[in-house]
């Protein structure tokens, strides 16, 4: 049986994003979230997710424009600052690590740096090869060009059927309640994702494939 964690990125970005992620967990298939500790709604997000013990929460590292991530020393300082902020907000270590716009995977050298930095945590880093990653649940294959088919229920189930039937897999998503509290080139698409992720009997449909929805806490127990 495959194990699938569905990770909602951008937790803490805005109240509407927080609301969408919580709803996608409470009434849908999201099992994990990644927290932007510098987001203006980060403190509210950390407080909100304490009510949901089954939701694992990781660090969504965000690049500061003043930091050269190709300089290992600068990358380390920035990472440790955000990790400490995560601990202050949540009272615990992250269950996984990833980054906004996948900045930590921009080069082999950068990925190696972040692998070293996250290693003491004993948790997976997105892109390090230990967890299969699905990033295709995304409505803009080309910048500024939206195709909602790629965040539809049918396409989601096809992705899971094709890529998550064995081992441990992560599928990323970006649900949100759109209420005018933030701007983005990927906005209405987030609402469409939320509708799909909370669709009727979606959990049952995934389970019928032989795929178990789990959080990142199950990763430690998965055969590797």
C-alpha atoms as a PDB file:
ATOM      1  CA  UNK A   1       0.000   0.000   0.000  1.00  0.00           C
ATOM      2  CA  UNK A   2       1.285   3.453  -0.864  1.00  0.00           C
ATOM      3  CA  UNK A   3       1.431   6.225   1.729  1.00  0.00           C
ATOM      4  CA  UNK A   4       0.599   9.747   0.575  1.00  0.00           C
ATOM      5  CA  UNK A   5       1.027  13.017   2.414  1.00  0.00           C
ATOM      6  CA  UNK A   6      -0.774  15.970   0.853  1.00  0.00           C
ATOM      7  CA  UNK A   7       1.131  19.117   1.779  1.00  0.00           C
ATOM      8  CA  UNK A   8      -0.395  22.580   1.634  1.00  0.00           C
ATOM      9  CA  UNK A   9       2.320  25.162   1.111  1.00  0.00           C
ATOM     10  CA  UNK A  10       2.255  28.832   2.190  1.00  0.00           C
ATOM     11  CA  UNK A  11       0.683  28.435   5.631  1.00  0.00           C
ATOM     12  CA  UNK A  12       1.024  31.820   7.340  1.00  0.00           C
ATOM     13  CA  UNK A  13       0.957  33.868   4.140  1.00  0.00           C
ATOM     14  CA  UNK A  14      -2.452  35.425   4.905  1.00  0.00           C
ATOM     15  CA  UNK A  15      -5.619  34.734   6.918  1.00  0.00           C
ATOM     16  CA  UNK A  16      -7.355  33.465   3.778  1.00  0.00           C
ATOM     17  CA  UNK A  17      -4.556  31.015   3.053  1.00  0.00           C
ATOM     18  CA  UNK A  18      -4.677  29.798   6.647  1.00  0.00           C
ATOM     19  CA  UNK A  19      -8.440  29.325   6.438  1.00  0.00           C
ATOM     20  CA  UNK A  20      -8.174  27.400   3.200  1.00  0.00           C
ATOM     21  CA  UNK A  21      -5.481  25.088   4.508  1.00  0.00           C
ATOM     22  CA  UNK A  22      -7.338  24.366   7.729  1.00  0.00           C
ATOM     23  CA  UNK A  23     -10.513  23.641   5.777  1.00  0.00           C
ATOM     24  CA  UNK A  24      -8.641  21.404   3.339  1.00  0.00           C
ATOM     25  CA  UNK A  25      -7.362  19.432   6.323  1.00  0.00           C
ATOM     26  CA  UNK A  26     -10.523  19.334   8.430  1.00  0.00           C
ATOM     27  CA  UNK A  27     -12.883  18.599   5.533  1.00  0.00           C
ATOM     28  CA  UNK A  28     -10.543  17.277   2.860  1.00  0.00           C
ATOM     29  CA  UNK A  29      -7.374  15.334   2.160  1.00  0.00           C
ATOM     30  CA  UNK A  30      -4.594  17.694   3.293  1.00  0.00           C
ATOM     31  CA  UNK A  31      -2.469  15.962   5.922  1.00  0.00           C
ATOM     32  CA  UNK A  32       0.490  18.320   6.138  1.00  0.00           C
ATOM     33  CA  UNK A  33       1.271  22.029   5.870  1.00  0.00           C
ATOM     34  CA  UNK A  34       4.413  24.099   5.418  1.00  0.00           C
ATOM     35  CA  UNK A  35       4.709  27.276   7.486  1.00  0.00           C
ATOM     36  CA  UNK A  36       6.169  30.570   6.218  1.00  0.00           C
ATOM     37  CA  UNK A  37       7.481  31.877   9.527  1.00  0.00           C
ATOM     38  CA  UNK A  38       7.835  35.424   8.200  1.00  0.00           C
ATOM     39  CA  UNK A  39       4.329  35.552   6.806  1.00  0.00           C
ATOM     40  CA  UNK A  40       2.073  38.227   8.262  1.00  0.00           C
ATOM     41  CA  UNK A  41      -0.367  35.556   9.419  1.00  0.00           C
ATOM     42  CA  UNK A  42       2.274  33.127  10.703  1.00  0.00           C
ATOM     43  CA  UNK A  43       1.452  33.535  14.392  1.00  0.00           C
ATOM     44  CA  UNK A  44      -2.271  33.007  13.748  1.00  0.00           C
ATOM     45  CA  UNK A  45      -1.453  29.974  11.624  1.00  0.00           C
ATOM     46  CA  UNK A  46       0.660  28.399  14.352  1.00  0.00           C
ATOM     47  CA  UNK A  47      -2.161  28.930  16.845  1.00  0.00           C
ATOM     48  CA  UNK A  48      -4.801  27.551  14.491  1.00  0.00           C
ATOM     49  CA  UNK A  49      -3.041  24.298  13.669  1.00  0.00           C
ATOM     50  CA  UNK A  50      -2.609  23.365  17.328  1.00  0.00           C
ATOM     51  CA  UNK A  51      -6.265  22.302  17.190  1.00  0.00           C
ATOM     52  CA  UNK A  52      -5.462  19.642  14.589  1.00  0.00           C
ATOM     53  CA  UNK A  53      -3.128  17.029  16.020  1.00  0.00           C
ATOM     54  CA  UNK A  54      -3.209  14.931  12.853  1.00  0.00           C
ATOM     55  CA  UNK A  55      -1.786  17.762  10.721  1.00  0.00           C
ATOM     56  CA  UNK A  56       2.001  17.726  10.481  1.00  0.00           C
ATOM     57  CA  UNK A  57       3.676  21.108  10.098  1.00  0.00           C
ATOM     58  CA  UNK A  58       7.008  21.759   8.399  1.00  0.00           C
ATOM     59  CA  UNK A  59       9.211  24.733   7.613  1.00  0.00           C
ATOM     60  CA  UNK A  60       8.536  26.554   4.329  1.00  0.00           C
ATOM     61  CA  UNK A  61      11.843  28.395   3.961  1.00  0.00           C
ATOM     62  CA  UNK A  62      11.540  31.773   2.213  1.00  0.00           C
ATOM     63  CA  UNK A  63      14.516  33.421   0.542  1.00  0.00           C
ATOM     64  CA  UNK A  64      15.448  36.915   1.692  1.00  0.00           C
ATOM     65  CA  UNK A  65      16.621  39.025  -1.237  1.00  0.00           C
ATOM     66  CA  UNK A  66      19.551  40.252   0.820  1.00  0.00           C
ATOM     67  CA  UNK A  67      20.841  36.700   1.316  1.00  0.00           C
ATOM     68  CA  UNK A  68      22.967  34.864  -1.255  1.00  0.00           C
ATOM     69  CA  UNK A  69      21.797  31.279  -0.897  1.00  0.00           C
ATOM     70  CA  UNK A  70      24.754  30.110  -2.982  1.00  0.00           C
ATOM     71  CA  UNK A  71      26.980  31.227  -0.134  1.00  0.00           C
ATOM     72  CA  UNK A  72      26.737  28.347   2.389  1.00  0.00           C
ATOM     73  CA  UNK A  73      27.410  30.634   5.356  1.00  0.00           C
ATOM     74  CA  UNK A  74      24.664  33.092   4.402  1.00  0.00           C
ATOM     75  CA  UNK A  75      22.266  30.236   3.651  1.00  0.00           C
ATOM     76  CA  UNK A  76      23.002  28.706   7.041  1.00  0.00           C
ATOM     77  CA  UNK A  77      22.350  31.924   8.937  1.00  0.00           C
ATOM     78  CA  UNK A  78      19.052  32.475   7.155  1.00  0.00           C
ATOM     79  CA  UNK A  79      17.937  28.869   7.597  1.00  0.00           C
ATOM     80  CA  UNK A  80      18.775  28.801  11.303  1.00  0.00           C
ATOM     81  CA  UNK A  81      16.986  32.106  11.874  1.00  0.00           C
ATOM     82  CA  UNK A  82      13.823  30.754  10.255  1.00  0.00           C
ATOM     83  CA  UNK A  83      14.140  27.429  12.072  1.00  0.00           C
ATOM     84  CA  UNK A  84      14.401  29.244  15.407  1.00  0.00           C
ATOM     85  CA  UNK A  85      11.366  31.353  14.512  1.00  0.00           C
ATOM     86  CA  UNK A  86       9.471  28.153  13.653  1.00  0.00           C
ATOM     87  CA  UNK A  87      10.295  26.756  17.072  1.00  0.00           C
ATOM     88  CA  UNK A  88       9.202  29.971  18.771  1.00  0.00           C
ATOM     89  CA  UNK A  89       5.866  29.939  16.959  1.00  0.00           C
ATOM     90  CA  UNK A  90       5.036  26.249  17.254  1.00  0.00           C
ATOM     91  CA  UNK A  91       6.985  25.030  20.267  1.00  0.00           C
ATOM     92  CA  UNK A  92       8.449  22.111  18.316  1.00  0.00           C
ATOM     93  CA  UNK A  93      10.650  21.133  15.396  1.00  0.00           C
ATOM     94  CA  UNK A  94       9.285  20.909  11.848  1.00  0.00           C
ATOM     95  CA  UNK A  95       8.191  17.529  10.530  1.00  0.00           C
ATOM     96  CA  UNK A  96       9.697  18.319   7.106  1.00  0.00           C
ATOM     97  CA  UNK A  97      11.481  21.113   5.252  1.00  0.00           C
ATOM     98  CA  UNK A  98      10.797  22.698   1.863  1.00  0.00           C
ATOM     99  CA  UNK A  99      11.019  26.192   0.392  1.00  0.00           C
ATOM    100  CA  UNK A 100       9.009  28.867  -1.354  1.00  0.00           C
ATOM    101  CA  UNK A 101       9.398  28.526  -5.121  1.00  0.00           C
ATOM    102  CA  UNK A 102      11.759  25.594  -4.463  1.00  0.00           C
ATOM    103  CA  UNK A 103      14.708  27.964  -4.041  1.00  0.00           C
ATOM    104  CA  UNK A 104      16.716  25.347  -2.156  1.00  0.00           C
ATOM    105  CA  UNK A 105      16.778  23.099  -5.246  1.00  0.00           C
ATOM    106  CA  UNK A 106      18.079  25.711  -7.709  1.00  0.00           C
ATOM    107  CA  UNK A 107      21.441  23.930  -7.935  1.00  0.00           C
ATOM    108  CA  UNK A 108      23.084  20.755  -6.690  1.00  0.00           C
ATOM    109  CA  UNK A 109      25.305  22.814  -4.445  1.00  0.00           C
ATOM    110  CA  UNK A 110      22.380  24.636  -2.893  1.00  0.00           C
ATOM    111  CA  UNK A 111      20.480  21.386  -2.342  1.00  0.00           C
ATOM    112  CA  UNK A 112      23.561  19.919  -0.688  1.00  0.00           C
ATOM    113  CA  UNK A 113      23.754  22.922   1.639  1.00  0.00           C
ATOM    114  CA  UNK A 114      20.133  22.599   2.696  1.00  0.00           C
ATOM    115  CA  UNK A 115      20.466  18.824   3.081  1.00  0.00           C
ATOM    116  CA  UNK A 116      23.306  19.428   5.529  1.00  0.00           C
ATOM    117  CA  UNK A 117      21.349  22.090   7.388  1.00  0.00           C
ATOM    118  CA  UNK A 118      18.193  20.005   7.756  1.00  0.00           C
ATOM    119  CA  UNK A 119      19.995  16.735   8.568  1.00  0.00           C
ATOM    120  CA  UNK A 120      20.128  17.314  12.366  1.00  0.00           C
ATOM    121  CA  UNK A 121      16.332  17.466  12.381  1.00  0.00           C
ATOM    122  CA  UNK A 122      16.052  13.927  11.011  1.00  0.00           C
ATOM    123  CA  UNK A 123      13.208  14.907   8.677  1.00  0.00           C
ATOM    124  CA  UNK A 124      12.847  14.831   4.891  1.00  0.00           C
ATOM    125  CA  UNK A 125      13.864  17.787   2.756  1.00  0.00           C
ATOM    126  CA  UNK A 126      11.777  18.194  -0.383  1.00  0.00           C
ATOM    127  CA  UNK A 127      13.849  17.156  -3.367  1.00  0.00           C
ATOM    128  CA  UNK A 128      16.501  15.178  -1.497  1.00  0.00           C
ATOM    129  CA  UNK A 129      15.248  11.891  -2.951  1.00  0.00           C
ATOM    130  CA  UNK A 130      13.965  10.293   0.226  1.00  0.00           C
ATOM    131  CA  UNK A 131      10.318  11.076  -0.504  1.00  0.00           C
ATOM    132  CA  UNK A 132       8.825  10.869  -3.989  1.00  0.00           C
ATOM    133  CA  UNK A 133       7.469  14.301  -4.886  1.00  0.00           C
ATOM    134  CA  UNK A 134       4.449  15.220  -7.040  1.00  0.00           C
ATOM    135  CA  UNK A 135       4.344  18.868  -8.035  1.00  0.00           C
ATOM    136  CA  UNK A 136       1.992  18.571 -11.005  1.00  0.00           C
ATOM    137  CA  UNK A 137      -1.161  19.523  -9.075  1.00  0.00           C
ATOM    138  CA  UNK A 138      -0.716  23.100 -10.268  1.00  0.00           C
ATOM    139  CA  UNK A 139      -2.928  25.093 -12.618  1.00  0.00           C
ATOM    140  CA  UNK A 140      -0.228  27.153 -14.341  1.00  0.00           C
ATOM    141  CA  UNK A 141       2.103  25.007 -16.403  1.00  0.00           C
ATOM    142  CA  UNK A 142       3.153  28.247 -18.083  1.00  0.00           C
ATOM    143  CA  UNK A 143       3.474  31.481 -16.140  1.00  0.00           C
ATOM    144  CA  UNK A 144       0.237  33.456 -16.337  1.00  0.00           C
ATOM    145  CA  UNK A 145      -1.588  30.738 -18.275  1.00  0.00           C
ATOM    146  CA  UNK A 146      -4.220  28.935 -16.211  1.00  0.00           C
ATOM    147  CA  UNK A 147      -5.703  25.536 -16.964  1.00  0.00           C
ATOM    148  CA  UNK A 148      -7.942  24.362 -14.130  1.00  0.00           C
ATOM    149  CA  UNK A 149      -7.926  20.835 -15.507  1.00  0.00           C
ATOM    150  CA  UNK A 150      -4.614  20.396 -13.719  1.00  0.00           C
ATOM    151  CA  UNK A 151      -6.265  20.965 -10.344  1.00  0.00           C
ATOM    152  CA  UNK A 152      -9.422  18.985 -11.069  1.00  0.00           C
ATOM    153  CA  UNK A 153     -10.548  15.911  -9.176  1.00  0.00           C
ATOM    154  CA  UNK A 154     -10.040  13.694 -12.210  1.00  0.00           C
ATOM    155  CA  UNK A 155      -6.490  14.874 -12.785  1.00  0.00           C
ATOM    156  CA  UNK A 156      -5.649  14.584  -9.084  1.00  0.00           C
ATOM    157  CA  UNK A 157      -6.783  10.968  -8.987  1.00  0.00           C
ATOM    158  CA  UNK A 158      -4.833  10.241 -12.163  1.00  0.00           C
ATOM    159  CA  UNK A 159      -1.684  11.644 -10.557  1.00  0.00           C
ATOM    160  CA  UNK A 160      -2.141   9.514  -7.470  1.00  0.00           C
ATOM    161  CA  UNK A 161      -2.894   6.432  -9.534  1.00  0.00           C
ATOM    162  CA  UNK A 162       0.258   6.941 -11.593  1.00  0.00           C
ATOM    163  CA  UNK A 163       2.743   7.964  -8.911  1.00  0.00           C
ATOM    164  CA  UNK A 164       1.652   7.070  -5.386  1.00  0.00           C
ATOM    165  CA  UNK A 165       0.756   3.398  -5.307  1.00  0.00           C
ATOM    166  CA  UNK A 166       3.884   2.317  -3.463  1.00  0.00           C
ATOM    167  CA  UNK A 167       6.335   3.768  -0.989  1.00  0.00           C
ATOM    168  CA  UNK A 168       5.993   7.228   0.561  1.00  0.00           C
ATOM    169  CA  UNK A 169       4.934  10.120  -1.668  1.00  0.00           C
ATOM    170  CA  UNK A 170       4.279  13.825  -1.141  1.00  0.00           C
ATOM    171  CA  UNK A 171       1.824  15.817  -3.238  1.00  0.00           C
ATOM    172  CA  UNK A 172       2.010  19.605  -2.923  1.00  0.00           C
ATOM    173  CA  UNK A 173      -0.989  21.931  -3.120  1.00  0.00           C
ATOM    174  CA  UNK A 174      -1.898  25.569  -2.489  1.00  0.00           C
ATOM    175  CA  UNK A 175      -5.489  25.900  -1.220  1.00  0.00           C
ATOM    176  CA  UNK A 176      -6.861  29.201   0.067  1.00  0.00           C
ATOM    177  CA  UNK A 177      -9.994  31.157   0.823  1.00  0.00           C
ATOM    178  CA  UNK A 178      -9.933  34.140  -1.511  1.00  0.00           C
ATOM    179  CA  UNK A 179     -11.167  37.128   0.463  1.00  0.00           C
ATOM    180  CA  UNK A 180      -8.974  39.948  -0.819  1.00  0.00           C
ATOM    181  CA  UNK A 181      -6.335  39.780   1.898  1.00  0.00           C
ATOM    182  CA  UNK A 182      -3.393  39.045  -0.406  1.00  0.00           C
ATOM    183  CA  UNK A 183      -2.426  39.368  -4.037  1.00  0.00           C
ATOM    184  CA  UNK A 184      -0.818  36.738  -6.250  1.00  0.00           C
ATOM    185  CA  UNK A 185      -0.536  35.653  -9.866  1.00  0.00           C
ATOM    186  CA  UNK A 186      -1.923  32.358  -8.573  1.00  0.00           C
ATOM    187  CA  UNK A 187      -5.138  33.386  -6.835  1.00  0.00           C
ATOM    188  CA  UNK A 188      -8.405  31.990  -8.182  1.00  0.00           C
ATOM    189  CA  UNK A 189      -6.502  28.782  -8.810  1.00  0.00           C
ATOM    190  CA  UNK A 190      -6.096  28.396  -5.055  1.00  0.00           C
ATOM    191  CA  UNK A 191      -9.864  28.475  -4.619  1.00  0.00           C
ATOM    192  CA  UNK A 192     -10.203  25.813  -7.318  1.00  0.00           C
ATOM    193  CA  UNK A 193      -7.646  23.667  -5.511  1.00  0.00           C
ATOM    194  CA  UNK A 194      -9.584  24.031  -2.266  1.00  0.00           C
ATOM    195  CA  UNK A 195     -12.792  22.881  -3.968  1.00  0.00           C
ATOM    196  CA  UNK A 196     -11.058  19.814  -5.364  1.00  0.00           C
ATOM    197  CA  UNK A 197      -9.272  18.901  -2.155  1.00  0.00           C
ATOM    198  CA  UNK A 198     -12.526  19.005  -0.166  1.00  0.00           C
ATOM    199  CA  UNK A 199     -14.599  17.182  -2.768  1.00  0.00           C
ATOM    200  CA  UNK A 200     -17.153  14.559  -1.676  1.00  0.00           C
ATOM    201  CA  UNK A 201     -15.819  11.083  -0.954  1.00  0.00           C
ATOM    202  CA  UNK A 202     -12.360  11.971  -2.216  1.00  0.00           C
ATOM    203  CA  UNK A 203     -10.697  10.168   0.675  1.00  0.00           C
ATOM    204  CA  UNK A 204     -12.650   7.043  -0.156  1.00  0.00           C
ATOM    205  CA  UNK A 205     -11.674   7.273  -3.815  1.00  0.00           C
ATOM    206  CA  UNK A 206      -8.002   7.497  -2.880  1.00  0.00           C
ATOM    207  CA  UNK A 207      -8.288   4.671  -0.380  1.00  0.00           C
ATOM    208  CA  UNK A 208      -9.889   2.432  -2.989  1.00  0.00           C
ATOM    209  CA  UNK A 209      -6.647   2.689  -5.000  1.00  0.00           C
ATOM    210  CA  UNK A 210      -4.710   1.204  -2.106  1.00  0.00           C
ATOM    211  CA  UNK A 211      -3.244   4.531  -1.023  1.00  0.00           C
ATOM    212  CA  UNK A 212      -3.265   5.604   2.623  1.00  0.00           C
ATOM    213  CA  UNK A 213      -3.377   9.305   3.462  1.00  0.00           C
ATOM    214  CA  UNK A 214      -0.821  10.017   6.187  1.00  0.00           C
ATOM    215  CA  UNK A 215       1.103  12.939   7.662  1.00  0.00           C
ATOM    216  CA  UNK A 216       4.884  13.280   7.638  1.00  0.00           C
ATOM    217  CA  UNK A 217       4.949  11.731  11.086  1.00  0.00           C
ATOM    218  CA  UNK A 218       4.400   8.384   9.347  1.00  0.00           C
ATOM    219  CA  UNK A 219       7.582   8.847   7.339  1.00  0.00           C
ATOM    220  CA  UNK A 220       9.793   7.668  10.183  1.00  0.00           C
ATOM    221  CA  UNK A 221       7.888   4.388  10.217  1.00  0.00           C
ATOM    222  CA  UNK A 222       7.968   3.864   6.449  1.00  0.00           C
ATOM    223  CA  UNK A 223      10.435   1.337   4.980  1.00  0.00           C
ATOM    224  CA  UNK A 224      13.323   3.160   3.311  1.00  0.00           C
END
